[in-house]
Amino acid sequence: MADKSSDSKPIEAWITGIGLATSLGEGLDAHWDALNQQRINVDEKSFAPYVVHPLAPVSFDAQIPKKGDQRQMEAWQRIGTYAAGLALDSAGIKGNTDILSRMDMVVAAGGGERDLAVDAGILNAEAKGNSAPGFLNERLMGDLRPTLFLAQLSNLLAGNIAIVHGVTGSSRTFMGEEAAGVDAARIALARIAAGQSDIALIGAAHNGERKDLLVLYEFGDFNLKDKYAPVWARDAKKGFALGSGGAFLVIESRAHAEARGAKPFARLTSVVADRARRKSSGDITSTLESLWSKVGVRDGSTAIITGATGAEPATSEERAFLHTHPELPVRATGTVFGHTLETQFPLGLAVAALSLSRGALFPPADSSGQEIEMSKPPTQIVVIGAGHWRGEGMALVEAIR
């Protein structure tokens, strides 16, 4: 690959593959149909009083054919590896060892899933007074697999994608909840724009059907409880409904895509990120206004897809920013998919690219008045991510006509 980093003009980056496996189903047609039919898959009972968006039924064998590979993965890894395979299929490079061997990978990941049976056994033994000196170390050494350190290693998702799908170029894994998803896209785009990479696989996965996560976020009073409501209608009952899902994208330089005859979904023009101090009211709003000025919005038919969580005060401050652009149609992925943490920003990018490729913005699934209809085809969509606790980001995704 020639180093074009000295060129004055950034290299154009195309989104040529999208892989989605969420609470709405798997694949692009299934998601487009569900979004246009305003379908929402919500479970208010299994983890009551907490509300979750469970993963739709998926046959993991289709993308992870070896049962041994599946067994050594926890759910979040299976979801991510599956979605990554869908993205590679979508881009037309599944099994292409020449491209996959030099394909970069940037994954956003959490700390992995805990082994609840081990946790419960240790706590029960402690409570009953059956814990001799060295008991904890013995249990951890004997009960946990080598890939666990109370939770799974965060870079195991990238490792399993490499093993199962043969993506063996450079690999990066970012941690940091919603901000990690922003940085995965930002770094991949920067490398392509600078000529340091021709093609990259980016994305994340999240398993929201986890008691340990629900307990964790309950400590911060972040969970939506009792009854589902759209993100913008949670004023009285703040919080997010965790969602399960994986979202991966194939991003490549225009020249690389054209050389192999790939058809783009959309252009990823820019990704910008920041971290508001969040010390005073309005800090998040100000940061979003600053990012808006940097992301490069042009004159045209513009829409917004936001990963707004429903948690406060981040959601109210994001809404204040949106009110400065009342003419723009807004869609909140949290209303439809739930909140998928690291996955929320890649999910927004995927839905934006899908909408641009279909020449329409899907209808609102919200009756609060925050989301308005869009009658004409969008030419650009701004994807917004404001973390429930830290981190803000924006991306500009544009139609290719």
Protein backbone atom coordinates (compact mmCIF):
# COMPACT_ATOMS: atom_id res chain seq x y z
CA MET A 1 0.00 0.00 0.00
CA ALA A 2 1.39 3.39 -0.99
CA ASP A 3 1.72 5.96 1.75
CA LYS A 4 -0.45 8.91 0.76
CA SER A 5 -0.13 10.71 4.09
CA SER A 6 1.66 13.59 2.39
CA ASP A 7 -1.30 14.32 0.09
CA SER A 8 -3.05 17.56 0.99
CA LYS A 9 -6.54 16.23 0.32
CA PRO A 10 -7.91 13.51 2.64
CA ILE A 11 -8.83 10.23 1.00
CA GLU A 12 -12.56 9.62 0.66
CA ALA A 13 -13.91 6.81 2.87
CA TRP A 14 -16.88 4.68 1.88
CA ILE A 15 -19.05 2.43 4.00
CA THR A 16 -19.28 -0.72 1.91
CA GLY A 17 -20.52 -3.29 4.43
CA ILE A 18 -23.04 -3.28 7.29
CA GLY A 19 -23.70 -6.08 9.76
CA LEU A 20 -26.59 -5.79 12.21
CA ALA A 21 -27.91 -8.29 14.74
CA THR A 22 -30.18 -6.61 17.29
CA SER A 23 -33.49 -6.85 19.08
CA LEU A 24 -35.17 -6.19 15.72
CA GLY A 25 -33.59 -9.16 13.93
CA GLU A 26 -30.58 -9.71 11.69
CA GLY A 27 -29.63 -8.33 8.32
CA LEU A 28 -30.43 -5.12 6.52
CA ASP A 29 -33.82 -5.95 4.99
CA ALA A 30 -35.18 -7.19 8.32
CA HIS A 31 -34.02 -4.01 10.04
CA TRP A 32 -35.34 -1.70 7.35
CA ASP A 33 -38.74 -3.38 7.46
CA ALA A 34 -38.88 -3.25 11.26
CA LEU A 35 -37.87 0.42 11.38
CA ASN A 36 -40.48 1.39 8.81
CA GLN A 37 -43.16 -0.64 10.59
CA GLN A 38 -42.15 1.00 13.89
CA ARG A 39 -41.65 -2.38 15.56
CA ILE A 40 -40.01 -2.43 18.98
CA ASN A 41 -38.97 -5.58 20.83
CA VAL A 42 -39.13 -4.96 24.59
CA ASP A 43 -39.11 -7.29 27.60
CA GLU A 44 -40.56 -5.83 30.80
CA LYS A 45 -40.87 -9.11 32.70
CA SER A 46 -37.73 -11.28 32.54
CA PHE A 47 -35.58 -8.82 34.49
CA ALA A 48 -38.35 -6.92 36.26
CA PRO A 49 -38.47 -4.19 37.33
CA TYR A 50 -35.85 -3.44 34.67
CA VAL A 51 -36.73 -3.05 30.99
CA VAL A 52 -34.51 -4.62 28.33
CA HIS A 53 -34.49 -5.02 24.54
CA PRO A 54 -33.56 -8.71 24.04
CA LEU A 55 -31.64 -10.04 21.06
CA ALA A 56 -33.93 -11.43 18.37
CA PRO A 57 -33.51 -15.15 17.64
CA VAL A 58 -30.26 -15.77 15.77
CA SER A 59 -28.74 -18.95 14.36
CA PHE A 60 -25.11 -18.39 15.30
CA ASP A 61 -24.10 -21.41 13.20
CA ALA A 62 -24.55 -19.31 10.07
CA GLN A 63 -21.54 -17.11 10.89
CA ILE A 64 -19.75 -19.16 13.59
CA PRO A 65 -19.90 -22.72 12.18
CA LYS A 66 -17.71 -24.42 14.79
CA LYS A 67 -19.54 -25.29 17.99
CA GLY A 68 -16.24 -25.23 19.86
CA ASP A 69 -15.75 -21.60 18.90
CA GLN A 70 -19.24 -20.76 20.09
CA ARG A 71 -18.81 -22.56 23.42
CA GLN A 72 -15.73 -20.61 24.42
CA MET A 73 -17.45 -17.26 23.76
CA GLU A 74 -19.87 -15.53 26.08
CA ALA A 75 -22.99 -13.98 24.54
CA TRP A 76 -21.50 -10.57 23.76
CA GLN A 77 -18.71 -12.20 21.75
CA ARG A 78 -21.07 -14.45 19.83
CA ILE A 79 -23.25 -11.44 18.98
CA GLY A 80 -20.25 -9.41 17.83
CA THR A 81 -18.59 -12.17 15.85
CA TYR A 82 -21.92 -12.87 14.16
CA ALA A 83 -22.51 -9.21 13.27
CA ALA A 84 -18.93 -8.91 11.99
CA GLY A 85 -19.54 -11.84 9.66
CA LEU A 86 -22.70 -10.17 8.36
CA ALA A 87 -20.69 -7.00 7.63
CA LEU A 88 -18.05 -8.96 5.72
CA ASP A 89 -20.78 -10.71 3.73
CA SER A 90 -22.44 -7.37 3.03
CA ALA A 91 -19.16 -5.96 1.71
CA GLY A 92 -18.57 -9.01 -0.47
CA ILE A 93 -15.25 -9.93 1.12
CA LYS A 94 -16.18 -12.92 3.27
CA GLY A 95 -13.49 -15.56 2.70
CA ASN A 96 -11.31 -13.26 0.58
CA THR A 97 -8.01 -14.03 2.28
CA ASP A 98 -6.07 -11.43 0.32
CA ILE A 99 -8.19 -8.57 1.62
CA LEU A 100 -8.90 -10.04 5.08
CA SER A 101 -5.20 -10.61 5.75
CA ARG A 102 -4.50 -6.87 5.51
CA MET A 103 -7.81 -5.61 6.84
CA ASP A 104 -7.54 -3.45 9.96
CA MET A 105 -9.95 -4.00 12.83
CA VAL A 106 -11.09 -1.49 15.45
CA VAL A 107 -13.43 -2.82 18.11
CA ALA A 108 -15.16 -1.06 21.00
CA ALA A 109 -15.70 -3.39 23.95
CA GLY A 110 -16.69 -3.47 27.58
CA GLY A 111 -15.03 -5.45 30.32
CA GLY A 112 -16.75 -8.69 29.39
CA GLU A 113 -19.27 -10.83 31.22
CA ARG A 114 -18.93 -12.13 34.74
CA ASP A 115 -19.43 -15.79 35.69
CA LEU A 116 -22.47 -15.39 37.93
CA ALA A 117 -22.36 -18.99 39.15
CA VAL A 118 -18.82 -18.50 40.46
CA ASP A 119 -19.73 -15.16 42.02
CA ALA A 120 -22.76 -16.65 43.75
CA GLY A 121 -20.81 -19.65 45.04
CA ILE A 122 -18.13 -17.45 46.57
CA LEU A 123 -20.63 -15.08 48.18
CA ASN A 124 -22.70 -17.96 49.59
CA ALA A 125 -19.62 -19.63 51.06
CA GLU A 126 -18.53 -16.34 52.62
CA ALA A 127 -21.99 -15.79 54.09
CA LYS A 128 -22.02 -19.28 55.63
CA GLY A 129 -18.55 -18.88 57.11
CA ASN A 130 -17.06 -21.58 54.88
CA SER A 131 -14.15 -19.51 53.62
CA ALA A 132 -10.82 -20.67 54.96
CA PRO A 133 -7.64 -18.62 54.37
CA GLY A 134 -6.80 -18.68 50.68
CA PHE A 135 -10.37 -19.68 49.81
CA LEU A 136 -10.95 -16.84 47.36
CA ASN A 137 -7.75 -17.42 45.41
CA GLU A 138 -8.42 -21.16 45.25
CA ARG A 139 -11.91 -20.64 43.88
CA LEU A 140 -10.79 -18.10 41.31
CA MET A 141 -7.90 -20.29 40.15
CA GLY A 142 -10.06 -23.39 39.97
CA ASP A 143 -13.40 -22.08 38.73
CA LEU A 144 -12.51 -19.46 36.14
CA ARG A 145 -11.32 -20.17 32.63
CA PRO A 146 -7.92 -18.80 31.60
CA THR A 147 -9.68 -16.13 29.51
CA LEU A 148 -11.38 -14.67 32.58
CA PHE A 149 -10.23 -12.24 35.22
CA LEU A 150 -13.59 -12.19 37.00
CA ALA A 151 -14.84 -10.89 33.66
CA GLN A 152 -13.78 -11.70 30.12
CA LEU A 153 -10.86 -9.94 28.50
CA SER A 154 -12.14 -7.04 26.41
CA ASN A 155 -9.96 -7.86 23.39
CA LEU A 156 -11.39 -11.37 23.03
CA LEU A 157 -14.04 -10.11 20.61
CA ALA A 158 -11.39 -8.92 18.16
CA GLY A 159 -9.50 -12.17 18.71
CA ASN A 160 -12.51 -14.29 17.91
CA ILE A 161 -13.32 -12.27 14.80
CA ALA A 162 -9.76 -12.88 13.65
CA ILE A 163 -10.03 -16.62 14.35
CA VAL A 164 -13.50 -17.17 12.89
CA HIS A 165 -13.42 -14.77 9.94
CA GLY A 166 -9.70 -14.45 9.21
CA VAL A 167 -9.43 -10.68 9.72
CA THR A 168 -5.71 -10.54 10.49
CA GLY A 169 -4.47 -7.04 9.78
CA SER A 170 -3.82 -4.63 12.66
CA SER A 171 -6.19 -4.85 15.61
CA ARG A 172 -7.22 -2.26 18.19
CA THR A 173 -9.73 -2.56 21.02
CA PHE A 174 -11.03 0.54 22.78
CA MET A 175 -12.76 0.55 26.15
CA GLY A 176 -14.79 3.43 27.57
CA GLU A 177 -18.51 2.75 27.09
CA GLU A 178 -20.18 5.01 24.49
CA ALA A 179 -17.02 7.01 23.82
CA ALA A 180 -15.20 3.84 22.76
CA GLY A 181 -17.63 3.41 19.87
CA VAL A 182 -16.98 6.97 18.74
CA ASP A 183 -13.22 6.48 18.84
CA ALA A 184 -13.40 3.21 16.92
CA ALA A 185 -14.96 5.08 14.00
CA ARG A 186 -12.76 8.15 14.44
CA ILE A 187 -9.47 6.24 14.37
CA ALA A 188 -10.46 4.03 11.44
CA LEU A 189 -11.53 7.04 9.40
CA ALA A 190 -8.36 8.97 10.26
CA ARG A 191 -6.17 6.07 9.14
CA ILE A 192 -8.00 5.72 5.84
CA ALA A 193 -8.06 9.49 5.22
CA ALA A 194 -4.30 9.64 5.82
CA GLY A 195 -3.54 6.73 3.51
CA GLN A 196 -2.38 4.49 6.36
CA SER A 197 -5.15 1.94 5.76
CA ASP A 198 -7.14 0.80 2.75
CA ILE A 199 -9.95 -1.08 4.48
CA ALA A 200 -11.14 -1.57 8.06
CA LEU A 201 -13.75 -3.46 10.03
CA ILE A 202 -15.16 -1.46 12.93
CA GLY A 203 -17.90 -2.09 15.44
CA ALA A 204 -19.00 -3.40 18.79
CA ALA A 205 -21.35 -5.79 20.53
CA HIS A 206 -23.36 -5.69 23.72
CA ASN A 207 -25.36 -8.18 25.75
CA GLY A 208 -27.94 -6.23 27.72
CA GLU A 209 -29.60 -9.33 29.16
CA ARG A 210 -27.22 -9.55 32.10
CA LYS A 211 -28.09 -9.37 35.76
CA ASP A 212 -24.60 -8.19 36.65
CA LEU A 213 -24.90 -5.19 34.32
CA LEU A 214 -28.34 -4.30 35.60
CA VAL A 215 -27.01 -4.33 39.16
CA LEU A 216 -24.02 -2.23 38.13
CA TYR A 217 -26.13 0.46 36.47
CA GLU A 218 -28.71 0.38 39.24
CA PHE A 219 -26.03 1.60 41.62
CA GLY A 220 -25.94 4.77 39.52
CA ASP A 221 -29.74 4.90 39.12
CA PHE A 222 -29.41 4.59 35.33
CA ASN A 223 -31.91 1.80 34.60
CA LEU A 224 -35.36 2.37 33.14
CA LYS A 225 -37.82 0.59 35.41
CA ASP A 226 -41.30 -0.92 35.31
CA LYS A 227 -42.62 0.21 31.93
CA TYR A 228 -41.11 0.98 28.55
CA ALA A 229 -41.34 4.49 27.10
CA PRO A 230 -39.57 6.15 24.15
CA VAL A 231 -36.37 7.99 25.01
CA TRP A 232 -37.96 11.43 24.71
CA ALA A 233 -40.93 10.44 26.91
CA ARG A 234 -38.92 9.43 29.97
CA ASP A 235 -39.08 12.73 31.81
CA ALA A 236 -40.86 11.20 34.79
CA LYS A 237 -38.99 7.90 34.60
CA LYS A 238 -35.43 8.64 33.58
CA GLY A 239 -32.99 5.94 32.58
CA PHE A 240 -32.00 3.62 29.77
CA ALA A 241 -33.31 0.22 28.79
CA LEU A 242 -30.29 -1.96 28.06
CA GLY A 243 -30.30 -3.55 24.63
CA SER A 244 -28.56 -6.55 23.11
CA GLY A 245 -27.01 -6.18 19.69
CA GLY A 246 -23.99 -6.08 17.44
CA ALA A 247 -23.16 -3.49 14.78
CA PHE A 248 -20.16 -3.70 12.47
CA LEU A 249 -19.20 -1.76 9.38
CA VAL A 250 -16.66 -2.17 6.61
CA ILE A 251 -15.05 1.18 5.80
CA GLU A 252 -12.59 1.52 2.92
CA SER A 253 -10.99 4.09 0.71
CA ARG A 254 -12.92 4.97 -2.40
CA ALA A 255 -10.05 3.82 -4.62
CA HIS A 256 -9.90 0.44 -2.90
CA ALA A 257 -13.66 -0.01 -3.17
CA GLU A 258 -13.78 0.98 -6.84
CA ALA A 259 -10.85 -1.31 -7.67
CA ARG A 260 -12.80 -4.31 -6.45
CA GLY A 261 -16.15 -3.09 -7.80
CA ALA A 262 -17.76 -2.57 -4.40
CA LYS A 263 -20.99 -0.58 -4.18
CA PRO A 264 -21.05 1.89 -1.28
CA PHE A 265 -23.91 2.44 1.15
CA ALA A 266 -22.70 5.92 2.05
CA ARG A 267 -19.66 8.10 2.63
CA LEU A 268 -18.20 8.54 6.12
CA THR A 269 -17.02 12.13 5.89
CA SER A 270 -15.97 13.04 9.41
CA VAL A 271 -15.98 11.88 13.02
CA VAL A 272 -15.26 14.28 15.88
CA ALA A 273 -15.14 13.66 19.62
CA ASP A 274 -14.83 15.52 22.89
CA ARG A 275 -15.34 15.07 26.60
CA ALA A 276 -17.38 17.73 28.38
CA ARG A 277 -16.37 18.51 31.93
CA ARG A 278 -19.99 17.97 33.04
CA LYS A 279 -19.45 20.11 36.09
CA SER A 280 -22.12 22.69 35.36
CA SER A 281 -25.53 22.66 33.71
CA GLY A 282 -25.17 23.20 29.98
CA ASP A 283 -21.69 21.71 29.62
CA ILE A 284 -22.92 18.88 27.39
CA THR A 285 -25.05 21.25 25.30
CA SER A 286 -22.05 23.53 24.71
CA THR A 287 -19.84 20.60 23.73
CA LEU A 288 -22.42 19.33 21.23
CA GLU A 289 -22.68 22.81 19.72
CA SER A 290 -18.90 22.87 19.34
CA LEU A 291 -18.85 19.43 17.71
CA TRP A 292 -21.63 20.49 15.32
CA SER A 293 -19.43 23.33 14.09
CA LYS A 294 -16.56 20.89 13.48
CA VAL A 295 -18.32 17.91 11.93
CA GLY A 296 -18.76 19.69 8.58
CA VAL A 297 -22.51 19.80 7.98
CA ARG A 298 -23.22 21.14 4.49
CA ASP A 299 -26.28 22.71 2.91
CA GLY A 300 -28.65 19.96 1.98
CA SER A 301 -31.34 17.63 3.24
CA THR A 302 -30.10 16.83 6.73
CA ALA A 303 -31.33 14.46 9.44
CA ILE A 304 -30.00 13.45 12.85
CA ILE A 305 -29.69 9.97 14.33
CA THR A 306 -28.82 10.10 18.00
CA GLY A 307 -27.84 7.53 20.56
CA ALA A 308 -29.52 9.55 23.33
CA THR A 309 -29.72 7.28 26.35
CA GLY A 310 -32.67 8.47 28.40
CA ALA A 311 -30.37 8.95 31.40
CA GLU A 312 -30.15 12.36 33.00
CA PRO A 313 -28.87 15.02 32.81
CA ALA A 314 -27.24 14.00 29.50
CA THR A 315 -30.53 13.50 27.65
CA SER A 316 -32.06 16.81 28.68
CA GLU A 317 -28.90 18.65 27.71
CA GLU A 318 -28.80 16.90 24.36
CA ARG A 319 -32.45 17.80 23.83
CA ALA A 320 -31.56 21.45 24.51
CA PHE A 321 -28.99 21.21 21.73
CA LEU A 322 -31.50 19.61 19.36
CA HIS A 323 -33.95 22.43 20.05
CA THR A 324 -31.47 24.79 18.36
CA HIS A 325 -32.09 22.80 15.14
CA PRO A 326 -35.88 22.33 15.28
CA GLU A 327 -36.19 22.01 11.50
CA LEU A 328 -34.12 18.80 11.38
CA PRO A 329 -35.77 15.38 11.71
CA VAL A 330 -34.34 13.40 14.64
CA ARG A 331 -34.42 9.67 15.35
CA ALA A 332 -33.27 8.15 18.65
CA THR A 333 -31.86 4.65 18.34
CA GLY A 334 -32.40 4.11 22.08
CA THR A 335 -36.16 4.18 21.53
CA VAL A 336 -36.02 1.32 19.06
CA PHE A 337 -32.97 -0.75 19.99
CA GLY A 338 -32.48 0.11 23.65
CA HIS A 339 -29.14 1.38 24.88
CA THR A 340 -26.20 -0.74 23.76
CA LEU A 341 -23.33 1.26 25.32
CA GLU A 342 -20.19 0.73 23.17
CA THR A 343 -22.37 -0.36 20.26
CA GLN A 344 -24.63 2.69 20.22
CA PHE A 345 -22.46 4.89 17.98
CA PRO A 346 -21.57 2.18 15.41
CA LEU A 347 -25.27 1.27 15.42
CA GLY A 348 -26.13 4.89 14.61
CA LEU A 349 -23.60 4.90 11.77
CA ALA A 350 -25.06 1.67 10.41
CA VAL A 351 -28.64 2.92 10.50
CA ALA A 352 -27.60 6.23 8.95
CA ALA A 353 -25.78 4.51 6.07
CA LEU A 354 -28.71 2.16 5.56
CA SER A 355 -31.17 5.07 5.43
CA LEU A 356 -29.05 7.00 2.94
CA SER A 357 -28.68 3.95 0.73
CA ARG A 358 -32.46 3.42 0.74
CA GLY A 359 -33.11 7.08 -0.01
CA ALA A 360 -35.37 7.71 2.98
CA LEU A 361 -35.45 8.29 6.70
CA PHE A 362 -37.56 5.79 8.60
CA PRO A 363 -40.61 7.17 10.47
CA PRO A 364 -40.56 8.21 14.14
CA ALA A 365 -41.33 5.62 16.82
CA ASP A 366 -42.03 8.42 19.25
CA SER A 367 -45.11 10.53 19.94
CA SER A 368 -43.53 13.22 22.13
CA GLY A 369 -43.17 15.68 19.25
CA GLN A 370 -39.36 15.62 19.38
CA GLU A 371 -39.18 13.57 16.17
CA ILE A 372 -40.77 14.92 12.99
CA GLU A 373 -41.44 13.31 9.64
CA MET A 374 -39.08 13.67 6.69
CA SER A 375 -40.71 13.63 3.30
CA LYS A 376 -37.66 14.08 1.08
CA PRO A 377 -34.62 11.82 0.80
CA PRO A 378 -31.79 12.78 3.15
CA THR A 379 -28.47 13.72 1.59
CA GLN A 380 -26.59 13.70 4.90
CA ILE A 381 -27.17 12.35 8.39
CA VAL A 382 -25.37 13.50 11.51
CA VAL A 383 -24.88 10.71 14.05
CA ILE A 384 -24.69 11.94 17.65
CA GLY A 385 -23.45 10.11 20.71
CA ALA A 386 -23.58 11.61 24.20
CA GLY A 387 -22.55 9.08 26.83
CA HIS A 388 -24.73 8.51 29.87
CA TRP A 389 -21.75 9.41 32.09
CA ARG A 390 -18.91 10.70 29.90
CA GLY A 391 -17.96 11.37 26.30
CA GLU A 392 -19.55 13.05 23.28
CA GLY A 393 -19.12 12.48 19.56
CA MET A 394 -20.55 13.23 16.13
CA ALA A 395 -20.15 11.84 12.65
CA LEU A 396 -21.25 13.06 9.24
CA VAL A 397 -22.52 10.35 6.91
CA GLU A 398 -23.38 11.41 3.35
CA ALA A 399 -25.25 9.91 0.45
CA ILE A 400 -23.34 8.86 -2.68
CA ARG A 401 -25.35 9.49 -5.80
